[in-house]
């Protein structure tokens, strides 16, 4: 499963192999501003891996809506796996709630 760069859909910024489970990505690059932000709106994209698609989708959308600081709290407290990209294009992969090395998207 390839995850697109939110500024260049032809570029894959991450790939996941799943035998079971689901992946959901939330961003505003394709559907425009369709998420009601309750935080600062400083995320460009959030991708979450979960056992069920509904869970992955809800978490990814919640991440986009809440902003970076709130998202970091949720991903740690709920042991989430995936990645997020900040508005300034910094890629932050996370595994089971722990943010790994930061990369430029």
PDB file of N, CA and C in Angstrom:
ATOM      1  N   UNK A   1       0.849  -1.158   0.000  1.00  0.00           N
ATOM      2  CA  UNK A   1       0.000   0.000   0.000  1.00  0.00           C
ATOM      3  C   UNK A   1       0.896   1.223   0.000  1.00  0.00           C
ATOM      4  N   UNK A   2       0.774   2.055  -1.009  1.00  0.00           N
ATOM      5  CA  UNK A   2       1.577   3.267  -1.101  1.00  0.00           C
ATOM      6  C   UNK A   2       0.827   4.481  -0.567  1.00  0.00           C
ATOM      7  N   UNK A   3       1.535   5.332   0.142  1.00  0.00           N
ATOM      8  CA  UNK A   3       0.957   6.568   0.675  1.00  0.00           C
ATOM      9  C   UNK A   3       1.487   7.725  -0.158  1.00  0.00           C
ATOM     10  N   UNK A   4       0.573   8.491  -0.739  1.00  0.00           N
ATOM     11  CA  UNK A   4       0.949   9.595  -1.624  1.00  0.00           C
ATOM     12  C   UNK A   4       1.438  10.809  -0.851  1.00  0.00           C
ATOM     13  N   UNK A   5       2.326  11.540  -1.483  1.00  0.00           N
ATOM     14  CA  UNK A   5       2.743  12.855  -1.011  1.00  0.00           C
ATOM     15  C   UNK A   5       1.550  13.796  -1.227  1.00  0.00           C
ATOM     16  N   UNK A   6       1.116  14.546  -0.201  1.00  0.00           N
ATOM     17  CA  UNK A   6      -0.053  15.405  -0.383  1.00  0.00           C
ATOM     18  C   UNK A   6       0.157  16.547  -1.376  1.00  0.00           C
ATOM     19  N   UNK A   7       1.396  16.875  -1.681  1.00  0.00           N
ATOM     20  CA  UNK A   7       1.650  17.949  -2.645  1.00  0.00           C
ATOM     21  C   UNK A   7       2.010  17.423  -4.028  1.00  0.00           C
ATOM     22  N   UNK A   8       2.277  16.121  -4.129  1.00  0.00           N
ATOM     23  CA  UNK A   8       2.623  15.511  -5.409  1.00  0.00           C
ATOM     24  C   UNK A   8       2.114  14.074  -5.421  1.00  0.00           C
ATOM     25  N   UNK A   9       0.871  13.842  -5.872  1.00  0.00           N
ATOM     26  CA  UNK A   9       0.277  12.507  -5.820  1.00  0.00           C
ATOM     27  C   UNK A   9       1.029  11.437  -6.621  1.00  0.00           C
ATOM     28  N   UNK A  10       1.943  11.852  -7.486  1.00  0.00           N
ATOM     29  CA  UNK A  10       2.740  10.883  -8.242  1.00  0.00           C
ATOM     30  C   UNK A  10       3.884  10.318  -7.415  1.00  0.00           C
ATOM     31  N   UNK A  11       4.154  10.928  -6.270  1.00  0.00           N
ATOM     32  CA  UNK A  11       5.273  10.520  -5.409  1.00  0.00           C
ATOM     33  C   UNK A  11       4.749   9.743  -4.203  1.00  0.00           C
ATOM     34  N   UNK A  12       5.315   8.558  -3.995  1.00  0.00           N
ATOM     35  CA  UNK A  12       4.970   7.731  -2.838  1.00  0.00           C
ATOM     36  C   UNK A  12       5.960   8.057  -1.720  1.00  0.00           C
ATOM     37  N   UNK A  13       5.440   8.441  -0.559  1.00  0.00           N
ATOM     38  CA  UNK A  13       6.316   8.825   0.551  1.00  0.00           C
ATOM     39  C   UNK A  13       6.483   7.727   1.583  1.00  0.00           C
ATOM     40  N   UNK A  14       5.618   6.712   1.518  1.00  0.00           N
ATOM     41  CA  UNK A  14       5.720   5.583   2.445  1.00  0.00           C
ATOM     42  C   UNK A  14       4.978   4.407   1.834  1.00  0.00           C
ATOM     43  N   UNK A  15       5.346   3.216   2.254  1.00  0.00           N
ATOM     44  CA  UNK A  15       4.659   2.012   1.794  1.00  0.00           C
ATOM     45  C   UNK A  15       4.511   1.056   2.965  1.00  0.00           C
ATOM     46  N   UNK A  16       3.371   0.393   3.013  1.00  0.00           N
ATOM     47  CA  UNK A  16       3.081  -0.579   4.063  1.00  0.00           C
ATOM     48  C   UNK A  16       2.623  -1.874   3.426  1.00  0.00           C
ATOM     49  N   UNK A  17       3.043  -2.988   4.003  1.00  0.00           N
ATOM     50  CA  UNK A  17       2.546  -4.299   3.601  1.00  0.00           C
ATOM     51  C   UNK A  17       1.661  -4.810   4.719  1.00  0.00           C
ATOM     52  N   UNK A  18       0.424  -5.118   4.379  1.00  0.00           N
ATOM     53  CA  UNK A  18      -0.522  -5.605   5.372  1.00  0.00           C
ATOM     54  C   UNK A  18      -1.088  -6.950   4.951  1.00  0.00           C
ATOM     55  N   UNK A  19      -1.020  -7.918   5.839  1.00  0.00           N
ATOM     56  CA  UNK A  19      -1.700  -9.186   5.596  1.00  0.00           C
ATOM     57  C   UNK A  19      -3.153  -9.054   6.044  1.00  0.00           C
ATOM     58  N   UNK A  20      -3.362  -8.317   7.112  1.00  0.00           N
ATOM     59  CA  UNK A  20      -4.693  -8.033   7.660  1.00  0.00           C
ATOM     60  C   UNK A  20      -4.699  -6.590   8.119  1.00  0.00           C
ATOM     61  N   UNK A  21      -5.870  -6.024   8.248  1.00  0.00           N
ATOM     62  CA  UNK A  21      -5.963  -4.667   8.756  1.00  0.00           C
ATOM     63  C   UNK A  21      -6.340  -3.690   7.672  1.00  0.00           C
ATOM     64  N   UNK A  22      -6.210  -2.408   8.017  1.00  0.00           N
ATOM     65  CA  UNK A  22      -6.647  -1.349   7.117  1.00  0.00           C
ATOM     66  C   UNK A  22      -5.753  -0.133   7.256  1.00  0.00           C
ATOM     67  N   UNK A  23      -5.774   0.694   6.214  1.00  0.00           N
ATOM     68  CA  UNK A  23      -5.036   1.952   6.193  1.00  0.00           C
ATOM     69  C   UNK A  23      -6.000   3.046   5.750  1.00  0.00           C
ATOM     70  N   UNK A  24      -5.971   4.170   6.450  1.00  0.00           N
ATOM     71  CA  UNK A  24      -6.769   5.328   6.033  1.00  0.00           C
ATOM     72  C   UNK A  24      -5.899   6.573   6.098  1.00  0.00           C
ATOM     73  N   UNK A  25      -6.061   7.430   5.111  1.00  0.00           N
ATOM     74  CA  UNK A  25      -5.341   8.697   5.063  1.00  0.00           C
ATOM     75  C   UNK A  25      -6.354   9.824   4.983  1.00  0.00           C
ATOM     76  N   UNK A  26      -6.100  10.864   5.760  1.00  0.00           N
ATOM     77  CA  UNK A  26      -6.936  12.051   5.720  1.00  0.00           C
ATOM     78  C   UNK A  26      -6.063  13.244   5.353  1.00  0.00           C
ATOM     79  N   UNK A  27      -6.530  14.012   4.393  1.00  0.00           N
ATOM     80  CA  UNK A  27      -5.820  15.208   3.929  1.00  0.00           C
ATOM     81  C   UNK A  27      -6.836  16.088   3.216  1.00  0.00           C
ATOM     82  N   UNK A  28      -6.410  17.255   2.810  1.00  0.00           N
ATOM     83  CA  UNK A  28      -7.320  18.155   2.109  1.00  0.00           C
ATOM     84  C   UNK A  28      -6.853  18.454   0.690  1.00  0.00           C
ATOM     85  N   UNK A  29      -5.884  17.687   0.205  1.00  0.00           N
ATOM     86  CA  UNK A  29      -5.334  17.952  -1.121  1.00  0.00           C
ATOM     87  C   UNK A  29      -6.248  17.492  -2.257  1.00  0.00           C
ATOM     88  N   UNK A  30      -7.128  16.532  -2.035  1.00  0.00           N
ATOM     89  CA  UNK A  30      -7.989  16.045  -3.117  1.00  0.00           C
ATOM     90  C   UNK A  30      -9.426  16.529  -2.993  1.00  0.00           C
ATOM     91  N   UNK A  31      -9.950  16.559  -1.777  1.00  0.00           N
ATOM     92  CA  UNK A  31     -11.357  16.934  -1.572  1.00  0.00           C
ATOM     93  C   UNK A  31     -11.512  18.364  -1.071  1.00  0.00           C
ATOM     94  N   UNK A  32     -10.429  19.095  -0.948  1.00  0.00           N
ATOM     95  CA  UNK A  32     -10.509  20.467  -0.456  1.00  0.00           C
ATOM     96  C   UNK A  32     -10.733  20.495   1.052  1.00  0.00           C
ATOM     97  N   UNK A  33     -11.139  21.633   1.539  1.00  0.00           N
ATOM     98  CA  UNK A  33     -11.320  21.824   2.987  1.00  0.00           C
ATOM     99  C   UNK A  33     -12.666  21.241   3.408  1.00  0.00           C
ATOM    100  N   UNK A  34     -12.670  19.947   3.705  1.00  0.00           N
ATOM    101  CA  UNK A  34     -13.899  19.255   4.089  1.00  0.00           C
ATOM    102  C   UNK A  34     -13.899  18.826   5.559  1.00  0.00           C
ATOM    103  N   UNK A  35     -12.841  19.163   6.282  1.00  0.00           N
ATOM    104  CA  UNK A  35     -12.712  18.766   7.684  1.00  0.00           C
ATOM    105  C   UNK A  35     -12.856  20.019   8.553  1.00  0.00           C
ATOM    106  N   UNK A  36     -13.683  19.930   9.554  1.00  0.00           N
ATOM    107  CA  UNK A  36     -13.827  21.052  10.487  1.00  0.00           C
ATOM    108  C   UNK A  36     -12.697  20.967  11.505  1.00  0.00           C
ATOM    109  N   UNK A  37     -11.815  21.932  11.461  1.00  0.00           N
ATOM    110  CA  UNK A  37     -10.653  21.937  12.346  1.00  0.00           C
ATOM    111  C   UNK A  37     -11.028  22.479  13.718  1.00  0.00           C
ATOM    112  N   UNK A  38     -10.678  21.706  14.737  1.00  0.00           N
ATOM    113  CA  UNK A  38     -10.884  22.153  16.115  1.00  0.00           C
ATOM    114  C   UNK A  38      -9.564  22.591  16.725  1.00  0.00           C
ATOM    115  N   UNK A  39      -8.491  22.429  15.964  1.00  0.00           N
ATOM    116  CA  UNK A  39      -7.153  22.846  16.383  1.00  0.00           C
ATOM    117  C   UNK A  39      -6.590  23.811  15.361  1.00  0.00           C
ATOM    118  N   UNK A  40      -5.275  23.982  15.367  1.00  0.00           N
ATOM    119  CA  UNK A  40      -4.646  24.998  14.518  1.00  0.00           C
ATOM    120  C   UNK A  40      -4.584  24.671  13.030  1.00  0.00           C
ATOM    121  N   UNK A  41      -4.924  23.474  12.606  1.00  0.00           N
ATOM    122  CA  UNK A  41      -4.855  23.148  11.186  1.00  0.00           C
ATOM    123  C   UNK A  41      -3.440  23.099  10.653  1.00  0.00           C
ATOM    124  N   UNK A  42      -2.504  22.617  11.476  1.00  0.00           N
ATOM    125  CA  UNK A  42      -1.095  22.608  11.082  1.00  0.00           C
ATOM    126  C   UNK A  42      -0.616  21.254  10.567  1.00  0.00           C
ATOM    127  N   UNK A  43      -1.547  20.379  10.194  1.00  0.00           N
ATOM    128  CA  UNK A  43      -1.178  19.105   9.588  1.00  0.00           C
ATOM    129  C   UNK A  43      -1.633  19.076   8.137  1.00  0.00           C
ATOM    130  N   UNK A  44      -0.788  18.520   7.272  1.00  0.00           N
ATOM    131  CA  UNK A  44      -1.128  18.397   5.855  1.00  0.00           C
ATOM    132  C   UNK A  44      -1.761  17.051   5.543  1.00  0.00           C
ATOM    133  N   UNK A  45      -1.399  16.022   6.338  1.00  0.00           N
ATOM    134  CA  UNK A  45      -1.896  14.679   6.063  1.00  0.00           C
ATOM    135  C   UNK A  45      -1.670  13.804   7.281  1.00  0.00           C
ATOM    136  N   UNK A  46      -2.620  12.893   7.531  1.00  0.00           N
ATOM    137  CA  UNK A  46      -2.482  11.902   8.596  1.00  0.00           C
ATOM    138  C   UNK A  46      -2.880  10.548   8.033  1.00  0.00           C
ATOM    139  N   UNK A  47      -2.038   9.545   8.225  1.00  0.00           N
ATOM    140  CA  UNK A  47      -2.320   8.173   7.821  1.00  0.00           C
ATOM    141  C   UNK A  47      -2.255   7.290   9.056  1.00  0.00           C
ATOM    142  N   UNK A  48      -3.247   6.417   9.207  1.00  0.00           N
ATOM    143  CA  UNK A  48      -3.300   5.520  10.363  1.00  0.00           C
ATOM    144  C   UNK A  48      -3.536   4.091   9.891  1.00  0.00           C
ATOM    145  N   UNK A  49      -2.817   3.142  10.489  1.00  0.00           N
ATOM    146  CA  UNK A  49      -3.032   1.722  10.281  1.00  0.00           C
ATOM    147  C   UNK A  49      -3.805   1.195  11.479  1.00  0.00           C
ATOM    148  N   UNK A  50      -4.808   0.370  11.223  1.00  0.00           N
ATOM    149  CA  UNK A  50      -5.612  -0.190  12.310  1.00  0.00           C
ATOM    150  C   UNK A  50      -6.164  -1.547  11.881  1.00  0.00           C
ATOM    151  N   UNK A  51      -6.754  -2.240  12.821  1.00  0.00           N
ATOM    152  CA  UNK A  51      -7.361  -3.535  12.504  1.00  0.00           C
ATOM    153  C   UNK A  51      -8.586  -3.387  11.610  1.00  0.00           C
ATOM    154  N   UNK A  52      -9.308  -2.280  11.783  1.00  0.00           N
ATOM    155  CA  UNK A  52     -10.553  -2.058  11.044  1.00  0.00           C
ATOM    156  C   UNK A  52     -10.510  -0.704  10.337  1.00  0.00           C
ATOM    157  N   UNK A  53     -11.061  -0.652   9.135  1.00  0.00           N
ATOM    158  CA  UNK A  53     -11.041   0.575   8.344  1.00  0.00           C
ATOM    159  C   UNK A  53     -11.743   1.729   9.056  1.00  0.00           C
ATOM    160  N   UNK A  54     -12.853   1.466   9.700  1.00  0.00           N
ATOM    161  CA  UNK A  54     -13.573   2.540  10.396  1.00  0.00           C
ATOM    162  C   UNK A  54     -12.686   3.179  11.460  1.00  0.00           C
ATOM    163  N   UNK A  55     -11.937   2.375  12.195  1.00  0.00           N
ATOM    164  CA  UNK A  55     -11.038   2.911  13.224  1.00  0.00           C
ATOM    165  C   UNK A  55      -9.936   3.752  12.595  1.00  0.00           C
ATOM    166  N   UNK A  56      -9.323   3.238  11.543  1.00  0.00           N
ATOM    167  CA  UNK A  56      -8.249   3.980  10.873  1.00  0.00           C
ATOM    168  C   UNK A  56      -8.767   5.313  10.336  1.00  0.00           C
ATOM    169  N   UNK A  57      -9.944   5.295   9.726  1.00  0.00           N
ATOM    170  CA  UNK A  57     -10.521   6.506   9.150  1.00  0.00           C
ATOM    171  C   UNK A  57     -10.859   7.535  10.221  1.00  0.00           C
ATOM    172  N   UNK A  58     -11.464   7.091  11.316  1.00  0.00           N
ATOM    173  CA  UNK A  58     -11.819   8.019  12.393  1.00  0.00           C
ATOM    174  C   UNK A  58     -10.568   8.656  12.985  1.00  0.00           C
ATOM    175  N   UNK A  59      -9.534   7.856  13.240  1.00  0.00           N
ATOM    176  CA  UNK A  59      -8.306   8.400  13.829  1.00  0.00           C
ATOM    177  C   UNK A  59      -7.618   9.364  12.870  1.00  0.00           C
ATOM    178  N   UNK A  60      -7.552   9.017  11.585  1.00  0.00           N
ATOM    179  CA  UNK A  60      -6.891   9.896  10.613  1.00  0.00           C
ATOM    180  C   UNK A  60      -7.622  11.238  10.519  1.00  0.00           C
ATOM    181  N   UNK A  61      -8.936  11.202  10.473  1.00  0.00           N
ATOM    182  CA  UNK A  61      -9.709  12.442  10.403  1.00  0.00           C
ATOM    183  C   UNK A  61      -9.571  13.246  11.692  1.00  0.00           C
ATOM    184  N   UNK A  62      -9.594  12.561  12.823  1.00  0.00           N
ATOM    185  CA  UNK A  62      -9.421  13.250  14.112  1.00  0.00           C
ATOM    186  C   UNK A  62      -8.066  13.935  14.186  1.00  0.00           C
ATOM    187  N   UNK A  63      -7.040  13.288  13.652  1.00  0.00           N
ATOM    188  CA  UNK A  63      -5.715  13.894  13.639  1.00  0.00           C
ATOM    189  C   UNK A  63      -5.688  15.181  12.845  1.00  0.00           C
ATOM    190  N   UNK A  64      -6.285  15.149  11.668  1.00  0.00           N
ATOM    191  CA  UNK A  64      -6.344  16.359  10.837  1.00  0.00           C
ATOM    192  C   UNK A  64      -7.130  17.462  11.536  1.00  0.00           C
ATOM    193  N   UNK A  65      -8.223  17.107  12.162  1.00  0.00           N
ATOM    194  CA  UNK A  65      -9.091  18.101  12.786  1.00  0.00           C
ATOM    195  C   UNK A  65      -8.460  18.747  14.008  1.00  0.00           C
ATOM    196  N   UNK A  66      -7.709  17.964  14.779  1.00  0.00           N
ATOM    197  CA  UNK A  66      -7.202  18.459  16.056  1.00  0.00           C
ATOM    198  C   UNK A  66      -5.885  19.195  16.012  1.00  0.00           C
ATOM    199  N   UNK A  67      -5.101  18.976  14.978  1.00  0.00           N
ATOM    200  CA  UNK A  67      -3.790  19.615  14.898  1.00  0.00           C
ATOM    201  C   UNK A  67      -2.695  18.779  15.549  1.00  0.00           C
ATOM    202  N   UNK A  68      -1.476  19.212  15.364  1.00  0.00           N
ATOM    203  CA  UNK A  68      -0.289  18.437  15.733  1.00  0.00           C
ATOM    204  C   UNK A  68      -0.202  18.108  17.227  1.00  0.00           C
ATOM    205  N   UNK A  69      -0.313  19.082  18.091  1.00  0.00           N
ATOM    206  CA  UNK A  69      -0.134  18.831  19.529  1.00  0.00           C
ATOM    207  C   UNK A  69      -1.180  17.849  20.054  1.00  0.00           C
ATOM    208  N   UNK A  70      -2.421  18.058  19.691  1.00  0.00           N
ATOM    209  CA  UNK A  70      -3.482  17.152  20.146  1.00  0.00           C
ATOM    210  C   UNK A  70      -3.288  15.763  19.540  1.00  0.00           C
ATOM    211  N   UNK A  71      -2.876  15.713  18.266  1.00  0.00           N
ATOM    212  CA  UNK A  71      -2.667  14.432  17.596  1.00  0.00           C
ATOM    213  C   UNK A  71      -1.552  13.637  18.274  1.00  0.00           C
ATOM    214  N   UNK A  72      -0.468  14.286  18.632  1.00  0.00           N
ATOM    215  CA  UNK A  72       0.633  13.585  19.302  1.00  0.00           C
ATOM    216  C   UNK A  72       0.163  12.957  20.608  1.00  0.00           C
ATOM    217  N   UNK A  73      -0.696  13.641  21.334  1.00  0.00           N
ATOM    218  CA  UNK A  73      -1.243  13.090  22.577  1.00  0.00           C
ATOM    219  C   UNK A  73      -2.088  11.863  22.291  1.00  0.00           C
ATOM    220  N   UNK A  74      -2.964  11.940  21.278  1.00  0.00           N
ATOM    221  CA  UNK A  74      -3.838  10.808  20.944  1.00  0.00           C
ATOM    222  C   UNK A  74      -3.066   9.609  20.432  1.00  0.00           C
ATOM    223  N   UNK A  75      -2.090   9.840  19.562  1.00  0.00           N
ATOM    224  CA  UNK A  75      -1.377   8.693  18.998  1.00  0.00           C
ATOM    225  C   UNK A  75      -0.571   7.971  20.066  1.00  0.00           C
ATOM    226  N   UNK A  76      -0.022   8.701  21.029  1.00  0.00           N
ATOM    227  CA  UNK A  76       0.717   8.061  22.122  1.00  0.00           C
ATOM    228  C   UNK A  76      -0.227   7.318  23.060  1.00  0.00           C
ATOM    229  N   UNK A  77      -1.316   7.957  23.457  1.00  0.00           N
ATOM    230  CA  UNK A  77      -2.252   7.356  24.410  1.00  0.00           C
ATOM    231  C   UNK A  77      -2.947   6.123  23.846  1.00  0.00           C
ATOM    232  N   UNK A  78      -3.126   6.077  22.525  1.00  0.00           N
ATOM    233  CA  UNK A  78      -3.854   4.977  21.905  1.00  0.00           C
ATOM    234  C   UNK A  78      -2.962   4.011  21.138  1.00  0.00           C
ATOM    235  N   UNK A  79      -1.630   4.183  21.272  1.00  0.00           N
ATOM    236  CA  UNK A  79      -0.664   3.268  20.659  1.00  0.00           C
ATOM    237  C   UNK A  79      -0.909   3.096  19.152  1.00  0.00           C
ATOM    238  N   UNK A  80      -1.097   4.214  18.453  1.00  0.00           N
ATOM    239  CA  UNK A  80      -1.406   4.179  17.024  1.00  0.00           C
ATOM    240  C   UNK A  80      -0.144   4.051  16.175  1.00  0.00           C
ATOM    241  N   UNK A  81      -0.339   3.561  14.956  1.00  0.00           N
ATOM    242  CA  UNK A  81       0.751   3.387  13.992  1.00  0.00           C
ATOM    243  C   UNK A  81       0.360   4.081  12.693  1.00  0.00           C
ATOM    244  N   UNK A  82       1.334   4.744  12.074  1.00  0.00           N
ATOM    245  CA  UNK A  82       1.106   5.408  10.799  1.00  0.00           C
ATOM    246  C   UNK A  82       2.099   6.519  10.579  1.00  0.00           C
ATOM    247  N   UNK A  83       1.638   7.628  10.015  1.00  0.00           N
ATOM    248  CA  UNK A  83       2.499   8.787   9.799  1.00  0.00           C
ATOM    249  C   UNK A  83       1.645  10.032   9.713  1.00  0.00           C
ATOM    250  N   UNK A  84       2.278  11.164   9.984  1.00  0.00           N
ATOM    251  CA  UNK A  84       1.622  12.434   9.717  1.00  0.00           C
ATOM    252  C   UNK A  84       2.641  13.382   9.113  1.00  0.00           C
ATOM    253  N   UNK A  85       2.115  14.323   8.333  1.00  0.00           N
ATOM    254  CA  UNK A  85       2.945  15.328   7.684  1.00  0.00           C
ATOM    255  C   UNK A  85       2.440  16.686   8.141  1.00  0.00           C
ATOM    256  N   UNK A  86       3.360  17.495   8.641  1.00  0.00           N
ATOM    257  CA  UNK A  86       2.988  18.838   9.083  1.00  0.00           C
ATOM    258  C   UNK A  86       2.833  19.760   7.873  1.00  0.00           C
ATOM    259  N   UNK A  87       2.224  20.900   8.110  1.00  0.00           N
ATOM    260  CA  UNK A  87       1.999  21.872   7.035  1.00  0.00           C
ATOM    261  C   UNK A  87       3.311  22.344   6.415  1.00  0.00           C
ATOM    262  N   UNK A  88       4.406  22.284   7.184  1.00  0.00           N
ATOM    263  CA  UNK A  88       5.705  22.682   6.638  1.00  0.00           C
ATOM    264  C   UNK A  88       6.456  21.500   6.012  1.00  0.00           C
ATOM    265  N   UNK A  89       5.717  20.418   5.694  1.00  0.00           N
ATOM    266  CA  UNK A  89       6.191  19.250   4.939  1.00  0.00           C
ATOM    267  C   UNK A  89       7.188  18.365   5.680  1.00  0.00           C
ATOM    268  N   UNK A  90       7.093  18.268   6.978  1.00  0.00           N
ATOM    269  CA  UNK A  90       7.950  17.356   7.734  1.00  0.00           C
ATOM    270  C   UNK A  90       7.160  16.089   8.014  1.00  0.00           C
ATOM    271  N   UNK A  91       7.739  14.956   7.638  1.00  0.00           N
ATOM    272  CA  UNK A  91       7.112  13.643   7.779  1.00  0.00           C
ATOM    273  C   UNK A  91       7.471  13.058   9.136  1.00  0.00           C
ATOM    274  N   UNK A  92       6.451  12.608   9.868  1.00  0.00           N
ATOM    275  CA  UNK A  92       6.634  12.033  11.197  1.00  0.00           C
ATOM    276  C   UNK A  92       6.016  10.632  11.233  1.00  0.00           C
ATOM    277  N   UNK A  93       6.797   9.582  11.012  1.00  0.00           N
ATOM    278  CA  UNK A  93       6.247   8.233  11.165  1.00  0.00           C
ATOM    279  C   UNK A  93       6.116   7.886  12.653  1.00  0.00           C
ATOM    280  N   UNK A  94       5.123   7.083  12.990  1.00  0.00           N
ATOM    281  CA  UNK A  94       4.955   6.652  14.377  1.00  0.00           C
ATOM    282  C   UNK A  94       4.528   5.188  14.410  1.00  0.00           C
ATOM    283  N   UNK A  95       5.012   4.471  15.418  1.00  0.00           N
ATOM    284  CA  UNK A  95       4.711   3.058  15.586  1.00  0.00           C
ATOM    285  C   UNK A  95       4.289   2.811  17.022  1.00  0.00           C
ATOM    286  N   UNK A  96       3.094   2.265  17.173  1.00  0.00           N
ATOM    287  CA  UNK A  96       2.545   1.959  18.502  1.00  0.00           C
ATOM    288  C   UNK A  96       2.695   3.139  19.455  1.00  0.00           C
ATOM    289  N   UNK A  97       2.408   4.323  18.958  1.00  0.00           N
ATOM    290  CA  UNK A  97       2.407   5.516  19.775  1.00  0.00           C
ATOM    291  C   UNK A  97       3.729   6.238  19.909  1.00  0.00           C
ATOM    292  N   UNK A  98       4.804   5.688  19.368  1.00  0.00           N
ATOM    293  CA  UNK A  98       6.124   6.322  19.474  1.00  0.00           C
ATOM    294  C   UNK A  98       6.506   6.945  18.133  1.00  0.00           C
ATOM    295  N   UNK A  99       6.811   8.247  18.155  1.00  0.00           N
ATOM    296  CA  UNK A  99       7.235   8.940  16.939  1.00  0.00           C
ATOM    297  C   UNK A  99       8.677   8.562  16.652  1.00  0.00           C
ATOM    298  N   UNK A 100       8.925   8.156  15.403  1.00  0.00           N
ATOM    299  CA  UNK A 100      10.266   7.737  15.003  1.00  0.00           C
ATOM    300  C   UNK A 100      11.029   8.905  14.398  1.00  0.00           C
ATOM    301  N   UNK A 101      12.085   8.605  13.663  1.00  0.00           N
ATOM    302  CA  UNK A 101      12.903   9.646  13.028  1.00  0.00           C
ATOM    303  C   UNK A 101      12.045  10.546  12.142  1.00  0.00           C
ATOM    304  N   UNK A 102      12.352  11.820  12.192  1.00  0.00           N
ATOM    305  CA  UNK A 102      11.627  12.813  11.393  1.00  0.00           C
ATOM    306  C   UNK A 102      12.323  12.932  10.043  1.00  0.00           C
ATOM    307  N   UNK A 103      11.516  13.047   8.982  1.00  0.00           N
ATOM    308  CA  UNK A 103      12.045  13.148   7.630  1.00  0.00           C
ATOM    309  C   UNK A 103      11.333  14.281   6.912  1.00  0.00           C
ATOM    310  N   UNK A 104      11.961  14.826   5.905  1.00  0.00           N
ATOM    311  CA  UNK A 104      11.296  15.827   5.059  1.00  0.00           C
ATOM    312  C   UNK A 104      10.505  15.114   3.999  1.00  0.00           C
ATOM    313  N   UNK A 105       9.243  15.475   3.861  1.00  0.00           N
ATOM    314  CA  UNK A 105       8.369  14.830   2.878  1.00  0.00           C
ATOM    315  C   UNK A 105       8.668  15.349   1.489  1.00  0.00           C
TER     316      UNK A 105
END
